[in-house]
């Protein structure tokens, strides 16, 4: 189904880079589903994060997917700089973002807006990985 839409070689390269950069820090609390629908914004500022059903202890890179799913482009770069995320953390975050976006494209055929946004995430993640591995 996705074979005609996604460059499998590039997607595999992103995934392999994520796997090659294991989390070696202490386990920390993570939200686990950092998505726009789980953020409350008031007066242009983040005021709350809700829906902790996926809350767990582990690698914080899973919560960085918001860089691609909500921010994108220049916002992603500013977010990354402000976090001071190292290359390994960012590689794992790209893997998480790619996984989540592929699931949305594959599992939500009746929701074209969600799929279009997920396709944009896939495009951004693949392009960023290409740029970083040159």
C-alpha atoms as a PDB file:
ATOM      1  CA  UNK A   1       0.000   0.000   0.000  1.00  0.00           C
ATOM      2  CA  UNK A   2       2.740   2.491   0.904  1.00  0.00           C
ATOM      3  CA  UNK A   3       5.363   1.115  -1.459  1.00  0.00           C
ATOM      4  CA  UNK A   4       4.424   3.642  -4.149  1.00  0.00           C
ATOM      5  CA  UNK A   5       4.405   6.556  -1.702  1.00  0.00           C
ATOM      6  CA  UNK A   6       7.454   6.156   0.503  1.00  0.00           C
ATOM      7  CA  UNK A   7      11.054   5.632  -0.491  1.00  0.00           C
ATOM      8  CA  UNK A   8      11.612   2.389   1.409  1.00  0.00           C
ATOM      9  CA  UNK A   9      15.414   2.623   1.264  1.00  0.00           C
ATOM     10  CA  UNK A  10      15.374   6.072   2.865  1.00  0.00           C
ATOM     11  CA  UNK A  11      12.800   5.047   5.467  1.00  0.00           C
ATOM     12  CA  UNK A  12      14.908   2.015   6.386  1.00  0.00           C
ATOM     13  CA  UNK A  13      17.982   4.235   6.660  1.00  0.00           C
ATOM     14  CA  UNK A  14      16.145   6.515   9.118  1.00  0.00           C
ATOM     15  CA  UNK A  15      14.991   3.506  11.127  1.00  0.00           C
ATOM     16  CA  UNK A  16      18.466   1.929  11.171  1.00  0.00           C
ATOM     17  CA  UNK A  17      20.008   5.231  12.301  1.00  0.00           C
ATOM     18  CA  UNK A  18      17.491   5.359  15.155  1.00  0.00           C
ATOM     19  CA  UNK A  19      18.299   1.796  16.190  1.00  0.00           C
ATOM     20  CA  UNK A  20      22.033   2.503  16.011  1.00  0.00           C
ATOM     21  CA  UNK A  21      21.676   5.345  18.524  1.00  0.00           C
ATOM     22  CA  UNK A  22      20.354   3.603  21.669  1.00  0.00           C
ATOM     23  CA  UNK A  23      19.340   5.592  24.742  1.00  0.00           C
ATOM     24  CA  UNK A  24      22.064   5.266  27.327  1.00  0.00           C
ATOM     25  CA  UNK A  25      20.828   7.803  29.835  1.00  0.00           C
ATOM     26  CA  UNK A  26      18.666   7.198  32.863  1.00  0.00           C
ATOM     27  CA  UNK A  27      15.046   6.337  32.243  1.00  0.00           C
ATOM     28  CA  UNK A  28      12.876   9.450  32.546  1.00  0.00           C
ATOM     29  CA  UNK A  29       9.143  10.065  32.538  1.00  0.00           C
ATOM     30  CA  UNK A  30       7.753  10.449  29.025  1.00  0.00           C
ATOM     31  CA  UNK A  31       4.304  11.416  27.852  1.00  0.00           C
ATOM     32  CA  UNK A  32       4.344   8.875  25.036  1.00  0.00           C
ATOM     33  CA  UNK A  33       1.749  10.578  22.811  1.00  0.00           C
ATOM     34  CA  UNK A  34       2.958  14.113  22.359  1.00  0.00           C
ATOM     35  CA  UNK A  35       0.480  15.286  19.735  1.00  0.00           C
ATOM     36  CA  UNK A  36      -1.244  18.581  18.961  1.00  0.00           C
ATOM     37  CA  UNK A  37      -4.525  17.257  20.357  1.00  0.00           C
ATOM     38  CA  UNK A  38      -2.858  16.689  23.708  1.00  0.00           C
ATOM     39  CA  UNK A  39      -1.596  20.250  24.064  1.00  0.00           C
ATOM     40  CA  UNK A  40      -3.574  23.190  25.413  1.00  0.00           C
ATOM     41  CA  UNK A  41      -2.468  26.607  24.232  1.00  0.00           C
ATOM     42  CA  UNK A  42      -3.673  29.870  25.756  1.00  0.00           C
ATOM     43  CA  UNK A  43      -2.701  33.269  24.399  1.00  0.00           C
ATOM     44  CA  UNK A  44      -0.184  31.690  22.037  1.00  0.00           C
ATOM     45  CA  UNK A  45       1.663  29.827  24.802  1.00  0.00           C
ATOM     46  CA  UNK A  46       1.621  26.209  25.874  1.00  0.00           C
ATOM     47  CA  UNK A  47      -0.332  26.040  29.116  1.00  0.00           C
ATOM     48  CA  UNK A  48      -0.932  22.309  29.618  1.00  0.00           C
ATOM     49  CA  UNK A  49      -0.240  18.823  28.337  1.00  0.00           C
ATOM     50  CA  UNK A  50      -3.116  16.361  28.725  1.00  0.00           C
ATOM     51  CA  UNK A  51      -3.933  12.672  28.135  1.00  0.00           C
ATOM     52  CA  UNK A  52      -1.299  10.728  30.003  1.00  0.00           C
ATOM     53  CA  UNK A  53      -2.623   7.297  28.959  1.00  0.00           C
ATOM     54  CA  UNK A  54       0.686   6.464  27.285  1.00  0.00           C
ATOM     55  CA  UNK A  55       2.831   7.836  30.104  1.00  0.00           C
ATOM     56  CA  UNK A  56       5.817   5.632  30.853  1.00  0.00           C
ATOM     57  CA  UNK A  57       9.446   5.649  31.897  1.00  0.00           C
ATOM     58  CA  UNK A  58      12.032   5.427  29.136  1.00  0.00           C
ATOM     59  CA  UNK A  59      13.765   7.298  26.344  1.00  0.00           C
ATOM     60  CA  UNK A  60      12.670  10.953  26.084  1.00  0.00           C
ATOM     61  CA  UNK A  61      13.194  11.024  22.306  1.00  0.00           C
ATOM     62  CA  UNK A  62       9.676   9.626  21.806  1.00  0.00           C
ATOM     63  CA  UNK A  63       8.236  12.948  22.972  1.00  0.00           C
ATOM     64  CA  UNK A  64      10.285  14.917  20.451  1.00  0.00           C
ATOM     65  CA  UNK A  65       8.066  13.802  17.555  1.00  0.00           C
ATOM     66  CA  UNK A  66       6.156  17.027  18.098  1.00  0.00           C
ATOM     67  CA  UNK A  67       9.024  18.744  16.273  1.00  0.00           C
ATOM     68  CA  UNK A  68       7.722  17.297  13.003  1.00  0.00           C
ATOM     69  CA  UNK A  69       4.046  16.672  13.753  1.00  0.00           C
ATOM     70  CA  UNK A  70       3.287  20.179  15.013  1.00  0.00           C
ATOM     71  CA  UNK A  71       6.178  22.541  14.408  1.00  0.00           C
ATOM     72  CA  UNK A  72       7.867  21.614  11.143  1.00  0.00           C
ATOM     73  CA  UNK A  73      10.425  23.560   9.124  1.00  0.00           C
ATOM     74  CA  UNK A  74      12.065  26.413  10.977  1.00  0.00           C
ATOM     75  CA  UNK A  75      10.083  25.564  14.122  1.00  0.00           C
ATOM     76  CA  UNK A  76      11.732  22.150  14.219  1.00  0.00           C
ATOM     77  CA  UNK A  77      15.188  23.703  14.040  1.00  0.00           C
ATOM     78  CA  UNK A  78      14.441  26.236  16.794  1.00  0.00           C
ATOM     79  CA  UNK A  79      12.986  23.456  18.959  1.00  0.00           C
ATOM     80  CA  UNK A  80      16.079  21.322  18.412  1.00  0.00           C
ATOM     81  CA  UNK A  81      18.476  24.151  19.252  1.00  0.00           C
ATOM     82  CA  UNK A  82      16.554  25.103  22.388  1.00  0.00           C
ATOM     83  CA  UNK A  83      16.629  21.492  23.601  1.00  0.00           C
ATOM     84  CA  UNK A  84      20.304  21.053  22.811  1.00  0.00           C
ATOM     85  CA  UNK A  85      19.425  17.549  21.594  1.00  0.00           C
ATOM     86  CA  UNK A  86      22.450  15.550  20.516  1.00  0.00           C
ATOM     87  CA  UNK A  87      22.600  13.672  17.208  1.00  0.00           C
ATOM     88  CA  UNK A  88      21.706  10.335  18.785  1.00  0.00           C
ATOM     89  CA  UNK A  89      18.599  11.702  20.494  1.00  0.00           C
ATOM     90  CA  UNK A  90      17.529  13.414  17.296  1.00  0.00           C
ATOM     91  CA  UNK A  91      18.097  10.243  15.243  1.00  0.00           C
ATOM     92  CA  UNK A  92      15.858   8.288  17.621  1.00  0.00           C
ATOM     93  CA  UNK A  93      13.243  11.048  17.529  1.00  0.00           C
ATOM     94  CA  UNK A  94      13.214  10.903  13.722  1.00  0.00           C
ATOM     95  CA  UNK A  95      12.638   7.151  13.975  1.00  0.00           C
ATOM     96  CA  UNK A  96       9.684   7.704  16.306  1.00  0.00           C
ATOM     97  CA  UNK A  97       8.226  10.409  14.040  1.00  0.00           C
ATOM     98  CA  UNK A  98       8.597   8.209  10.967  1.00  0.00           C
ATOM     99  CA  UNK A  99       6.970   5.231  12.715  1.00  0.00           C
ATOM    100  CA  UNK A 100       4.034   7.313  13.899  1.00  0.00           C
ATOM    101  CA  UNK A 101       3.496   8.946  10.494  1.00  0.00           C
ATOM    102  CA  UNK A 102       3.644   5.643   8.610  1.00  0.00           C
ATOM    103  CA  UNK A 103       1.046   4.184  10.985  1.00  0.00           C
ATOM    104  CA  UNK A 104      -1.285   7.103  10.321  1.00  0.00           C
ATOM    105  CA  UNK A 105      -0.937   6.817   6.545  1.00  0.00           C
ATOM    106  CA  UNK A 106      -1.454   3.049   6.666  1.00  0.00           C
ATOM    107  CA  UNK A 107      -4.295   2.926   9.191  1.00  0.00           C
ATOM    108  CA  UNK A 108      -6.456   6.003   8.527  1.00  0.00           C
ATOM    109  CA  UNK A 109      -7.589   5.805   4.913  1.00  0.00           C
ATOM    110  CA  UNK A 110     -10.851   7.613   5.738  1.00  0.00           C
ATOM    111  CA  UNK A 111      -9.079  10.628   7.225  1.00  0.00           C
ATOM    112  CA  UNK A 112      -7.277  12.385   4.368  1.00  0.00           C
ATOM    113  CA  UNK A 113      -6.307  15.439   6.447  1.00  0.00           C
ATOM    114  CA  UNK A 114      -4.486  13.225   8.962  1.00  0.00           C
ATOM    115  CA  UNK A 115      -2.843  11.305   6.140  1.00  0.00           C
ATOM    116  CA  UNK A 116      -1.720  14.469   4.341  1.00  0.00           C
ATOM    117  CA  UNK A 117      -0.146  15.794   7.527  1.00  0.00           C
ATOM    118  CA  UNK A 118       1.553  12.425   8.140  1.00  0.00           C
ATOM    119  CA  UNK A 119       2.885  12.366   4.571  1.00  0.00           C
ATOM    120  CA  UNK A 120       4.390  15.789   5.219  1.00  0.00           C
ATOM    121  CA  UNK A 121       6.092  14.425   8.345  1.00  0.00           C
ATOM    122  CA  UNK A 122       7.508  11.509   6.362  1.00  0.00           C
ATOM    123  CA  UNK A 123       8.828  13.859   3.685  1.00  0.00           C
ATOM    124  CA  UNK A 124      10.433  16.133   6.298  1.00  0.00           C
ATOM    125  CA  UNK A 125      12.000  13.304   8.272  1.00  0.00           C
ATOM    126  CA  UNK A 126      13.473  11.668   5.171  1.00  0.00           C
ATOM    127  CA  UNK A 127      14.811  14.988   3.855  1.00  0.00           C
ATOM    128  CA  UNK A 128      16.363  15.896   7.204  1.00  0.00           C
ATOM    129  CA  UNK A 129      18.040  12.499   7.467  1.00  0.00           C
ATOM    130  CA  UNK A 130      19.401  12.820   3.909  1.00  0.00           C
ATOM    131  CA  UNK A 131      20.772  16.260   4.750  1.00  0.00           C
ATOM    132  CA  UNK A 132      22.427  15.082   7.983  1.00  0.00           C
ATOM    133  CA  UNK A 133      24.069  12.030   6.461  1.00  0.00           C
ATOM    134  CA  UNK A 134      25.734  13.805   3.553  1.00  0.00           C
END
